Structures are given as C-alpha cells and as structure tokens.
C-alpha atoms as a PDB file:
ATOM      1  CA  MET A   1       0.000   0.000   0.000  1.00  0.00           C
ATOM      2  CA  PRO A   2       1.471   3.409  -0.965  1.00  0.00           C
ATOM      3  CA  SER A   3       2.434   5.794   1.819  1.00  0.00           C
ATOM      4  CA  PRO A   4       0.124   8.764   2.377  1.00  0.00           C
ATOM      5  CA  ARG A   5       1.451  11.874   0.698  1.00  0.00           C
ATOM      6  CA  PRO A   6       2.634  14.575   3.116  1.00  0.00           C
ATOM      7  CA  PRO A   7       0.832  17.917   3.106  1.00  0.00           C
ATOM      8  CA  ARG A   8       2.723  20.888   1.691  1.00  0.00           C
ATOM      9  CA  PHE A   9       3.864  23.673   4.026  1.00  0.00           C
ATOM     10  CA  PRO A  10       6.387  26.025   2.415  1.00  0.00           C
ATOM     11  CA  GLY A  11       9.128  27.276   4.721  1.00  0.00           C
ATOM     12  CA  LEU A  12       9.900  23.991   6.458  1.00  0.00           C
ATOM     13  CA  VAL A  13      13.414  23.050   7.547  1.00  0.00           C
ATOM     14  CA  ASP A  14      14.235  19.470   8.539  1.00  0.00           C
ATOM     15  CA  THR A  15      16.831  20.234  11.203  1.00  0.00           C
ATOM     16  CA  HIS A  16      18.026  16.654  11.723  1.00  0.00           C
ATOM     17  CA  CYS A  17      18.242  13.845   9.186  1.00  0.00           C
ATOM     18  CA  HIS A  18      20.696  11.160   8.084  1.00  0.00           C
ATOM     19  CA  LEU A  19      20.582  11.328   4.306  1.00  0.00           C
ATOM     20  CA  ASP A  20      23.366   8.778   3.816  1.00  0.00           C
ATOM     21  CA  TYR A  21      21.159   5.964   5.159  1.00  0.00           C
ATOM     22  CA  ALA A  22      19.041   3.724   2.956  1.00  0.00           C
ATOM     23  CA  PRO A  23      16.537   4.095   1.429  1.00  0.00           C
ATOM     24  CA  MET A  24      17.212   7.831   1.073  1.00  0.00           C
ATOM     25  CA  SER A  25      20.756   7.258  -0.117  1.00  0.00           C
ATOM     26  CA  ASP A  26      19.557   4.860  -2.814  1.00  0.00           C
ATOM     27  CA  ASP A  27      18.068   7.799  -4.727  1.00  0.00           C
ATOM     28  CA  LEU A  28      18.997  11.034  -3.004  1.00  0.00           C
ATOM     29  CA  GLY A  29      17.659  13.131  -5.854  1.00  0.00           C
ATOM     30  CA  ALA A  30      14.172  11.648  -5.510  1.00  0.00           C
ATOM     31  CA  THR A  31      14.325  12.039  -1.718  1.00  0.00           C
ATOM     32  CA  LEU A  32      15.160  15.727  -2.073  1.00  0.00           C
ATOM     33  CA  GLN A  33      12.418  16.232  -4.655  1.00  0.00           C
ATOM     34  CA  ARG A  34       9.773  14.707  -2.360  1.00  0.00           C
ATOM     35  CA  ALA A  35      10.991  17.003   0.408  1.00  0.00           C
ATOM     36  CA  ALA A  36      10.679  20.019  -1.867  1.00  0.00           C
ATOM     37  CA  ASP A  37       7.171  18.936  -2.851  1.00  0.00           C
ATOM     38  CA  ALA A  38       6.233  18.989   0.870  1.00  0.00           C
ATOM     39  CA  GLY A  39       7.622  22.509   1.302  1.00  0.00           C
ATOM     40  CA  VAL A  40      10.938  21.516   2.914  1.00  0.00           C
ATOM     41  CA  GLU A  41      13.350  24.199   1.793  1.00  0.00           C
ATOM     42  CA  GLN A  42      16.507  23.256   3.721  1.00  0.00           C
ATOM     43  CA  MET A  43      17.878  20.235   5.582  1.00  0.00           C
ATOM     44  CA  ILE A  44      20.639  19.576   8.097  1.00  0.00           C
ATOM     45  CA  HIS A  45      22.372  16.248   7.584  1.00  0.00           C
ATOM     46  CA  ILE A  46      24.061  14.743  10.635  1.00  0.00           C
ATOM     47  CA  GLY A  47      27.420  12.992  10.670  1.00  0.00           C
ATOM     48  CA  CYS A  48      27.809  11.651  14.195  1.00  0.00           C
ATOM     49  CA  SER A  49      30.813   9.338  14.144  1.00  0.00           C
ATOM     50  CA  ARG A  50      34.445   9.418  13.108  1.00  0.00           C
ATOM     51  CA  VAL A  51      33.419   7.621   9.894  1.00  0.00           C
ATOM     52  CA  SER A  52      30.218   9.483   9.021  1.00  0.00           C
ATOM     53  CA  ALA A  53      31.383  13.026   9.853  1.00  0.00           C
ATOM     54  CA  PRO A  54      33.700  13.483   6.848  1.00  0.00           C
ATOM     55  CA  ARG A  55      31.098  11.771   4.690  1.00  0.00           C
ATOM     56  CA  ALA A  56      28.526  14.332   5.851  1.00  0.00           C
ATOM     57  CA  VAL A  57      30.678  17.278   4.819  1.00  0.00           C
ATOM     58  CA  ALA A  58      31.199  15.731   1.396  1.00  0.00           C
ATOM     59  CA  LEU A  59      27.510  14.888   0.938  1.00  0.00           C
ATOM     60  CA  VAL A  60      26.198  18.419   1.512  1.00  0.00           C
ATOM     61  CA  ALA A  61      28.920  20.232  -0.454  1.00  0.00           C
ATOM     62  CA  PRO A  62      27.198  20.133  -3.884  1.00  0.00           C
ATOM     63  CA  TYR A  63      23.778  21.255  -2.607  1.00  0.00           C
ATOM     64  CA  ALA A  64      22.981  24.867  -1.746  1.00  0.00           C
ATOM     65  CA  HIS A  65      20.077  23.830   0.503  1.00  0.00           C
ATOM     66  CA  LEU A  66      21.832  21.093   2.468  1.00  0.00           C
ATOM     67  CA  PHE A  67      24.009  21.688   5.526  1.00  0.00           C
ATOM     68  CA  ALA A  68      25.786  19.448   7.994  1.00  0.00           C
ATOM     69  CA  ALA A  69      26.444  18.978  11.685  1.00  0.00           C
ATOM     70  CA  VAL A  70      29.382  16.817  12.753  1.00  0.00           C
ATOM     71  CA  GLY A  71      30.251  15.228  16.068  1.00  0.00           C
ATOM     72  CA  ILE A  72      30.553  11.984  17.992  1.00  0.00           C
ATOM     73  CA  HIS A  73      27.342  10.353  19.185  1.00  0.00           C
ATOM     74  CA  PRO A  74      27.138   9.294  22.848  1.00  0.00           C
ATOM     75  CA  HIS A  75      26.922   5.676  21.682  1.00  0.00           C
ATOM     76  CA  ASP A  76      30.446   6.085  20.295  1.00  0.00           C
ATOM     77  CA  ALA A  77      31.843   8.188  23.136  1.00  0.00           C
ATOM     78  CA  SER A  78      34.356   5.488  24.065  1.00  0.00           C
ATOM     79  CA  GLU A  79      36.052   6.218  20.744  1.00  0.00           C
ATOM     80  CA  ALA A  80      36.208   9.994  21.348  1.00  0.00           C
ATOM     81  CA  ASP A  81      39.963  10.133  21.964  1.00  0.00           C
ATOM     82  CA  ASP A  82      42.114  13.196  21.286  1.00  0.00           C
ATOM     83  CA  ALA A  83      42.692  12.228  17.658  1.00  0.00           C
ATOM     84  CA  ALA A  84      39.005  11.711  16.926  1.00  0.00           C
ATOM     85  CA  LEU A  85      38.054  14.980  18.582  1.00  0.00           C
ATOM     86  CA  ALA A  86      40.753  16.830  16.647  1.00  0.00           C
ATOM     87  CA  GLU A  87      39.288  15.443  13.412  1.00  0.00           C
ATOM     88  CA  ILE A  88      35.815  16.640  14.418  1.00  0.00           C
ATOM     89  CA  ALA A  89      37.166  20.104  15.223  1.00  0.00           C
ATOM     90  CA  VAL A  90      38.705  20.400  11.746  1.00  0.00           C
ATOM     91  CA  LEU A  91      35.553  19.188   9.998  1.00  0.00           C
ATOM     92  CA  ALA A  92      33.301  21.394  12.112  1.00  0.00           C
ATOM     93  CA  ALA A  93      35.183  24.468  10.912  1.00  0.00           C
ATOM     94  CA  ASP A  94      33.889  23.921   7.371  1.00  0.00           C
ATOM     95  CA  ALA A  95      31.593  26.698   6.176  1.00  0.00           C
ATOM     96  CA  LYS A  96      28.729  24.288   5.457  1.00  0.00           C
ATOM     97  CA  VAL A  97      28.901  22.749   8.925  1.00  0.00           C
ATOM     98  CA  VAL A  98      26.431  24.698  11.025  1.00  0.00           C
ATOM     99  CA  ALA A  99      26.679  22.877  14.377  1.00  0.00           C
ATOM    100  CA  VAL A 100      28.706  20.428  16.456  1.00  0.00           C
ATOM    101  CA  GLY A 101      26.978  17.131  17.157  1.00  0.00           C
ATOM    102  CA  GLU A 102      25.064  15.165  17.645  1.00  0.00           C
ATOM    103  CA  THR A 103      26.706  14.697  21.000  1.00  0.00           C
ATOM    104  CA  GLY A 104      25.203  14.220  24.437  1.00  0.00           C
ATOM    105  CA  LEU A 105      24.264  11.470  26.873  1.00  0.00           C
ATOM    106  CA  ASP A 106      22.237   8.325  26.318  1.00  0.00           C
ATOM    107  CA  TYR A 107      21.631   6.314  29.489  1.00  0.00           C
ATOM    108  CA  HIS A 108      18.870   4.251  27.886  1.00  0.00           C
ATOM    109  CA  TYR A 109      21.279   2.095  25.890  1.00  0.00           C
ATOM    110  CA  ASN A 110      24.576   2.983  27.631  1.00  0.00           C
ATOM    111  CA  ARG A 111      26.591   1.764  24.660  1.00  0.00           C
ATOM    112  CA  SER A 112      29.478   3.786  26.076  1.00  0.00           C
ATOM    113  CA  PRO A 113      30.106   4.178  29.839  1.00  0.00           C
ATOM    114  CA  PRO A 114      28.477   7.281  31.339  1.00  0.00           C
ATOM    115  CA  GLU A 115      31.818   8.817  32.273  1.00  0.00           C
ATOM    116  CA  ALA A 116      33.063   8.451  28.695  1.00  0.00           C
ATOM    117  CA  GLN A 117      29.858  10.076  27.452  1.00  0.00           C
ATOM    118  CA  LYS A 118      30.317  13.007  29.826  1.00  0.00           C
ATOM    119  CA  ARG A 119      33.930  13.524  28.754  1.00  0.00           C
ATOM    120  CA  SER A 120      32.948  13.421  25.092  1.00  0.00           C
ATOM    121  CA  LEU A 121      30.118  15.899  25.610  1.00  0.00           C
ATOM    122  CA  ALA A 122      32.383  18.283  27.543  1.00  0.00           C
ATOM    123  CA  ALA A 123      35.051  18.108  24.843  1.00  0.00           C
ATOM    124  CA  GLN A 124      32.569  18.799  22.047  1.00  0.00           C
ATOM    125  CA  ARG A 125      31.083  21.625  24.096  1.00  0.00           C
ATOM    126  CA  GLU A 126      34.501  23.266  23.934  1.00  0.00           C
ATOM    127  CA  ILE A 127      34.853  22.659  20.189  1.00  0.00           C
ATOM    128  CA  ALA A 128      31.524  24.437  19.727  1.00  0.00           C
ATOM    129  CA  ARG A 129      32.734  27.306  21.901  1.00  0.00           C
ATOM    130  CA  GLU A 130      35.993  27.662  19.980  1.00  0.00           C
ATOM    131  CA  LEU A 131      34.219  27.704  16.615  1.00  0.00           C
ATOM    132  CA  GLY A 132      31.282  29.847  17.710  1.00  0.00           C
ATOM    133  CA  LYS A 133      28.768  27.218  16.622  1.00  0.00           C
ATOM    134  CA  PRO A 134      25.841  25.662  18.528  1.00  0.00           C
ATOM    135  CA  LEU A 135      25.566  22.105  19.826  1.00  0.00           C
ATOM    136  CA  VAL A 136      23.145  19.460  18.583  1.00  0.00           C
ATOM    137  CA  LEU A 137      22.328  17.392  21.663  1.00  0.00           C
ATOM    138  CA  HIS A 138      21.110  13.802  21.909  1.00  0.00           C
ATOM    139  CA  ILE A 139      19.770  13.370  25.440  1.00  0.00           C
ATOM    140  CA  ARG A 140      17.953  10.213  26.508  1.00  0.00           C
ATOM    141  CA  ASP A 141      17.200   9.367  30.143  1.00  0.00           C
ATOM    142  CA  ALA A 142      20.024  11.709  31.125  1.00  0.00           C
ATOM    143  CA  HIS A 143      18.738  15.279  31.278  1.00  0.00           C
ATOM    144  CA  ALA A 144      20.034  16.064  34.775  1.00  0.00           C
ATOM    145  CA  ASP A 145      23.562  14.859  34.015  1.00  0.00           C
ATOM    146  CA  ALA A 146      23.636  16.592  30.631  1.00  0.00           C
ATOM    147  CA  LEU A 147      22.597  19.870  32.211  1.00  0.00           C
ATOM    148  CA  ALA A 148      25.282  19.394  34.869  1.00  0.00           C
ATOM    149  CA  VAL A 149      27.986  18.906  32.223  1.00  0.00           C
ATOM    150  CA  LEU A 150      26.888  21.998  30.338  1.00  0.00           C
ATOM    151  CA  ASP A 151      26.490  24.048  33.509  1.00  0.00           C
ATOM    152  CA  ASP A 152      30.055  23.141  34.496  1.00  0.00           C
ATOM    153  CA  ALA A 153      31.432  25.756  32.089  1.00  0.00           C
ATOM    154  CA  PRO A 154      30.449  29.260  31.017  1.00  0.00           C
ATOM    155  CA  PRO A 155      27.341  29.210  28.797  1.00  0.00           C
ATOM    156  CA  LEU A 156      27.988  28.760  25.103  1.00  0.00           C
ATOM    157  CA  PRO A 157      27.294  32.000  23.252  1.00  0.00           C
ATOM    158  CA  ARG A 158      25.009  30.136  20.825  1.00  0.00           C
ATOM    159  CA  ARG A 159      23.852  27.378  23.224  1.00  0.00           C
ATOM    160  CA  GLY A 160      22.349  24.432  21.345  1.00  0.00           C
ATOM    161  CA  VAL A 161      19.284  22.407  20.536  1.00  0.00           C
ATOM    162  CA  VAL A 162      17.998  19.264  22.211  1.00  0.00           C
ATOM    163  CA  HIS A 163      17.223  17.240  19.136  1.00  0.00           C
ATOM    164  CA  CYS A 164      14.349  14.751  19.098  1.00  0.00           C
ATOM    165  CA  PHE A 165      13.262  16.035  22.495  1.00  0.00           C
ATOM    166  CA  THR A 166      11.689  13.251  24.563  1.00  0.00           C
ATOM    167  CA  GLY A 167      11.871  14.697  28.063  1.00  0.00           C
ATOM    168  CA  THR A 168       9.151  15.784  30.431  1.00  0.00           C
ATOM    169  CA  PRO A 169       7.571  19.241  30.477  1.00  0.00           C
ATOM    170  CA  ALA A 170       9.669  20.043  33.568  1.00  0.00           C
ATOM    171  CA  GLU A 171      12.844  19.017  31.740  1.00  0.00           C
ATOM    172  CA  ALA A 172      11.788  21.117  28.764  1.00  0.00           C
ATOM    173  CA  GLU A 173      11.493  24.125  31.038  1.00  0.00           C
ATOM    174  CA  GLN A 174      15.012  23.530  32.392  1.00  0.00           C
ATOM    175  CA  TRP A 175      16.496  23.574  28.915  1.00  0.00           C
ATOM    176  CA  LEU A 176      14.459  26.582  27.858  1.00  0.00           C
ATOM    177  CA  ALA A 177      15.509  28.496  30.980  1.00  0.00           C
ATOM    178  CA  ARG A 178      19.140  28.062  29.907  1.00  0.00           C
ATOM    179  CA  GLY A 179      18.514  29.381  26.412  1.00  0.00           C
ATOM    180  CA  TYR A 180      18.371  26.109  24.478  1.00  0.00           C
ATOM    181  CA  LEU A 181      15.933  25.262  21.695  1.00  0.00           C
ATOM    182  CA  LEU A 182      13.804  22.125  21.518  1.00  0.00           C
ATOM    183  CA  SER A 183      13.371  20.086  18.351  1.00  0.00           C
ATOM    184  CA  PHE A 184      10.402  17.763  17.947  1.00  0.00           C
ATOM    185  CA  SER A 185      10.310  14.648  15.782  1.00  0.00           C
ATOM    186  CA  GLY A 186       7.650  12.157  14.743  1.00  0.00           C
ATOM    187  CA  ILE A 187       7.592  10.789  18.293  1.00  0.00           C
ATOM    188  CA  ALA A 188       5.361  13.755  19.160  1.00  0.00           C
ATOM    189  CA  THR A 189       2.652  12.206  16.961  1.00  0.00           C
ATOM    190  CA  PHE A 190       2.670   8.818  18.733  1.00  0.00           C
ATOM    191  CA  PRO A 191      -0.447   8.026  20.809  1.00  0.00           C
ATOM    192  CA  GLN A 192       1.381   7.594  24.130  1.00  0.00           C
ATOM    193  CA  ALA A 193       3.402  10.837  23.854  1.00  0.00           C
ATOM    194  CA  ASP A 194       1.090  13.081  25.904  1.00  0.00           C
ATOM    195  CA  GLY A 195       3.916  14.460  28.054  1.00  0.00           C
ATOM    196  CA  LEU A 196       5.934  15.280  24.985  1.00  0.00           C
ATOM    197  CA  ARG A 197       3.001  17.102  23.431  1.00  0.00           C
ATOM    198  CA  GLU A 198       2.653  19.113  26.638  1.00  0.00           C
ATOM    199  CA  ALA A 199       6.329  20.076  26.299  1.00  0.00           C
ATOM    200  CA  ALA A 200       5.606  21.185  22.728  1.00  0.00           C
ATOM    201  CA  ARG A 201       2.669  23.264  23.951  1.00  0.00           C
ATOM    202  CA  LEU A 202       4.794  25.147  26.480  1.00  0.00           C
ATOM    203  CA  CYS A 203       7.702  25.751  24.106  1.00  0.00           C
ATOM    204  CA  PRO A 204       7.792  29.416  23.029  1.00  0.00           C
ATOM    205  CA  ALA A 205       7.108  29.941  19.342  1.00  0.00           C
ATOM    206  CA  ASP A 206      10.603  31.299  18.736  1.00  0.00           C
ATOM    207  CA  ARG A 207      12.341  28.292  20.371  1.00  0.00           C
ATOM    208  CA  ILE A 208      10.741  25.365  18.544  1.00  0.00           C
ATOM    209  CA  LEU A 209      12.350  23.370  15.731  1.00  0.00           C
ATOM    210  CA  LEU A 210      11.048  20.456  13.651  1.00  0.00           C
ATOM    211  CA  GLU A 211      12.916  17.381  12.432  1.00  0.00           C
ATOM    212  CA  THR A 212      12.530  13.857  11.129  1.00  0.00           C
ATOM    213  CA  ASP A 213      15.672  12.056  12.396  1.00  0.00           C
ATOM    214  CA  ALA A 214      15.180  10.130   9.139  1.00  0.00           C
ATOM    215  CA  PRO A 215      15.310   7.246   8.467  1.00  0.00           C
ATOM    216  CA  TYR A 216      14.043   6.726  12.018  1.00  0.00           C
ATOM    217  CA  LEU A 217      10.875   7.737  13.869  1.00  0.00           C
ATOM    218  CA  ALA A 218       8.426   8.164  11.027  1.00  0.00           C
ATOM    219  CA  PRO A 219       5.390  10.113  12.247  1.00  0.00           C
ATOM    220  CA  VAL A 220       1.766   9.068  12.187  1.00  0.00           C
ATOM    221  CA  PRO A 221       0.303   8.305   9.586  1.00  0.00           C
ATOM    222  CA  VAL A 222       3.466   6.662   8.179  1.00  0.00           C
ATOM    223  CA  ARG A 223       4.707   5.244  11.474  1.00  0.00           C
ATOM    224  CA  GLY A 224       6.513   1.942  11.045  1.00  0.00           C
ATOM    225  CA  ARG A 225       7.940   2.851   7.643  1.00  0.00           C
ATOM    226  CA  LYS A 226      11.335   4.299   6.817  1.00  0.00           C
ATOM    227  CA  ASN A 227      11.307   8.020   7.433  1.00  0.00           C
ATOM    228  CA  GLU A 228      12.463  10.812   5.113  1.00  0.00           C
ATOM    229  CA  PRO A 229      12.567  14.640   5.223  1.00  0.00           C
ATOM    230  CA  ALA A 230       9.233  15.133   3.426  1.00  0.00           C
ATOM    231  CA  ASN A 231       7.491  13.627   6.449  1.00  0.00           C
ATOM    232  CA  VAL A 232       8.413  16.558   8.670  1.00  0.00           C
ATOM    233  CA  ALA A 233       5.229  18.085   7.210  1.00  0.00           C
ATOM    234  CA  PHE A 234       3.138  15.482   9.053  1.00  0.00           C
ATOM    235  CA  THR A 235       4.835  16.388  12.342  1.00  0.00           C
ATOM    236  CA  CYS A 236       4.272  20.069  11.658  1.00  0.00           C
ATOM    237  CA  ALA A 237       0.563  19.497  11.062  1.00  0.00           C
ATOM    238  CA  HIS A 238       0.189  17.416  14.217  1.00  0.00           C
ATOM    239  CA  LEU A 239       2.055  19.824  16.494  1.00  0.00           C
ATOM    240  CA  ALA A 240       0.179  22.780  15.068  1.00  0.00           C
ATOM    241  CA  GLY A 241      -3.034  21.116  16.201  1.00  0.00           C
ATOM    242  CA  VAL A 242      -1.548  20.470  19.639  1.00  0.00           C
ATOM    243  CA  ARG A 243      -0.422  24.079  19.997  1.00  0.00           C
ATOM    244  CA  GLY A 244      -3.503  25.664  18.437  1.00  0.00           C
ATOM    245  CA  ASP A 245      -1.462  27.023  15.527  1.00  0.00           C
ATOM    246  CA  ASP A 246      -2.105  27.180  11.825  1.00  0.00           C
ATOM    247  CA  PRO A 247       0.267  24.535  10.392  1.00  0.00           C
ATOM    248  CA  ALA A 248       1.349  26.855   7.583  1.00  0.00           C
ATOM    249  CA  VAL A 249       2.285  29.462  10.182  1.00  0.00           C
ATOM    250  CA  LEU A 250       4.123  26.950  12.360  1.00  0.00           C
ATOM    251  CA  ALA A 251       6.102  25.761   9.332  1.00  0.00           C
ATOM    252  CA  VAL A 252       7.259  29.296   8.591  1.00  0.00           C
ATOM    253  CA  GLN A 253       7.975  30.040  12.257  1.00  0.00           C
ATOM    254  CA  ALA A 254       9.955  26.852  12.884  1.00  0.00           C
ATOM    255  CA  GLY A 255      11.819  27.333   9.620  1.00  0.00           C
ATOM    256  CA  ALA A 256      12.699  30.911  10.530  1.00  0.00           C
ATOM    257  CA  ASN A 257      13.894  29.690  13.939  1.00  0.00           C
ATOM    258  CA  ALA A 258      16.147  27.141  12.238  1.00  0.00           C
ATOM    259  CA  ARG A 259      17.615  29.699   9.867  1.00  0.00           C
ATOM    260  CA  ALA A 260      18.328  32.138  12.688  1.00  0.00           C
ATOM    261  CA  PHE A 261      19.711  29.511  15.064  1.00  0.00           C
ATOM    262  CA  PHE A 262      21.943  27.697  12.566  1.00  0.00           C
ATOM    263  CA  ARG A 263      22.677  30.894  10.565  1.00  0.00           C
ATOM    264  CA  LEU A 264      21.446  29.379   7.348  1.00  0.00           C
ATOM    265  CA  PRO A 265      21.248  31.582   4.248  1.00  0.00           C
ATOM    266  CA  ALA A 266      17.850  32.486   2.849  1.00  0.00           C
ATOM    267  CA  PRO A 267      16.584  29.609   0.690  1.00  0.00           C
ATOM    268  CA  ALA A 268      16.702  29.982  -3.071  1.00  0.00           C
ATOM    269  CA  GLY A 269      13.778  32.002  -4.339  1.00  0.00           C
ATOM    270  CA  ALA A 270      13.009  33.587  -0.952  1.00  0.00           C
END
C-alpha cells in the first residue's frame, strides 16, 4: 500500500536527518524532490561518528540547501579520543557545517560508559565554543547529568538544541531556561506521547524546531515505515493542532527559527 502523501507547508526546515542511510541514499535526488514537494526548503544532515562526519561534509557540499552537523554520538563516546576529537574540530570548521553534534548522553542504551559520554560531551562543548557554533544534543534518560555537564562551564554563546526532544515538560522548562531550543520529531505524533506534546505546547514559538531524524521515527500516519525529510510536514501538522497554531504558520515560524539559530542563508527564491 502506498504511503500517504505529506501535506505541503512552504518554509519547512528538517533540522536533523541522516541522508546517507538507505533508502534515502539509494536515490537522493528523488528524496530531495519529495521534500521540496512537501515545502521543505533546507535540511541539516548529521554525521555523528568518526566515519560518518567526513562523509557528511562531502555529501552536503554540492547542494545549496543542504548543511551538515558533525560530532561523535554518545553511543560512540568510548572512541572519542584526542585524535578523533581533533578530526571533528577540523571538519566542524567547514563553512557548510552549522553545528557540532550530535553529542550528548544516552543512558537508555549505555553503549558507552556514562563517564566516557560526559567527557565526550564536555570536549565537544569546547569545540563548539571555539568555533562559535551551537551544539546538537542527543539526550535520553540523562537530562540532569547533561545539564550538569553543560552548567560546568560558562554558557555557550550560541547554546544548542535538544534534538528529538523526549523529556518531560519540567525538563523542557530547564532547557528553555538556559537558552536552548527544543526540536520535535515524529515521536510527538505517537499516541502515548502526551507528556511530549505538553512540552511542545509550552515551548515558546521562537524556540521550537522540527525534524525527522530520518530514516528513524516516522510520524503518524506513516509510522513503522522508513522516514524521510518530506514527512516533517506530518509532524508540523500534528504539532500545530496540539499548539492551536495554523500549520502553515508553524512551518514558517519553525523554519525561521532554524535559519536564525543555525545561521542558514535564505533559501533559493526567498
């Protein structure tokens, strides 16, 4: 059965996707065209390992509307030695790299020891500071410790975004109080995500971002299928209903937030 076609909301930015994963990578041109048809004007592709970070910089280079973030994921924090971090620092200085990450803490899977995750996060925090770029944070079951690591140094001038936010409303307020943005994925459309929708409701209009985390976390009504950037339109429509917004307005607002936060150029034709 064919997937439902996403609605079209011009102005959208998918702030977090992995375009080098199948099936998107099998026909990147078609993936980008479907995104454009849904109103997605720009995308941020994430390279979050020593292997995928240089690949991310190379992937976005030919495309005016694609940008990258590079870092070392908390799952791979055990590999974040001085050499790996030095490589990330060099890559992150590229003009098309708009953020450092995704980095952070993941205590749900604990694929790297917590102390290694904290050291990696602290090191990438300092790379972001040195380059004047924001952080892209992956935080799962670890909000208190992540806040402690970030609070253990002067605030970053450009702070960061908690990507694929899955915390409680109280945790959302803690991040917002420190100047961070919150990015919402397809998880916000899942039936059991009431707390997450409450966090989306309380997020100020100028601090909300939208993402797919493609190929993961496809939103309702395409949940269970491989995700892609076009589907951020479904998440936009759902969250607009939750927040009492017009989805077309939320698309423009969230897109403007992304462009301001990541310092993206105006999209072609704007």
